[in-house]
Amino acid sequence: MTQKISNSVLKRLPVYLSYLKALPMDGSENISATTIANALNMGDVQVRKDLAMVSNGGRPKVGYNRAGLIGDIEQFLGYDNTNDAVLIGAGKLGRALLGYSGFSEYGLNILAAFDTREEYTDENENGKPILPMSRLDELCKTRKVLIGIITVPAASAQAVCDRLIANGIKAIWNYAPTHLDVPPHILVQNENMATSLAVLSKHLSAQIKNY
């Protein structure tokens, strides 16, 4: 598949994948876009269009072979190819991400974490080194790393972002609660906890009013 795909579709594909992989192993071999849509409370037309972008395995009145569809989505998302990443900021959040082994299931391999605080360096979390920032440039260029994860305070995030880009990083997963200014060719995925909490709070408020 070579067609351009929007970020909104990219965000939905892992949702489909998680649902498909959570289905009972002894269930039906085939599944329709309508079944997926109903299970996820989504429009079946949208689901059908999304899946058609990454798989040509759908058949009228039969649907998709579930195992084949899982493979198509994983291949499209690059889960079958490990992507090396570096993490900047070895505080509690950074260490939690560094120690999470589940990233490998999605093709992400965090090579190392980096921090400016000397007391945080020269340690290991599940075999992953925490290194001083002075070693960042060398590792990025030697390993040709393309993904950077930012878990530093907001005040430091832009400087860290600029340094990552200068070292060849093309995609940034940003956990810092701030906007990052980047060139058009750089992808930034923000994990804004304040925004997520606001959505949850608004939903709960509406639910409480209906009681």
Foldseek 3Di string as FASTA:
>chain_A
DPDDDDPVLVVCLVVLLVVLVPDDPPDDQFDALVRSCVVVVHDSVVSVVSLVVQDPQQDPPTHHRSVVSSVSSLVVQVLVAAAEEEEEDPDPVRLVVQQDPVVNSSRYDHQAYEYQDPVRAPDDHPNHGYHYPVCVLVVCQVVVHAEYEYDDEQVCVQVVVVVCVVSNHQEYEYAYQDDYDDPPRHHYHYDHPVVVVVVVVVVVVVVVVVD
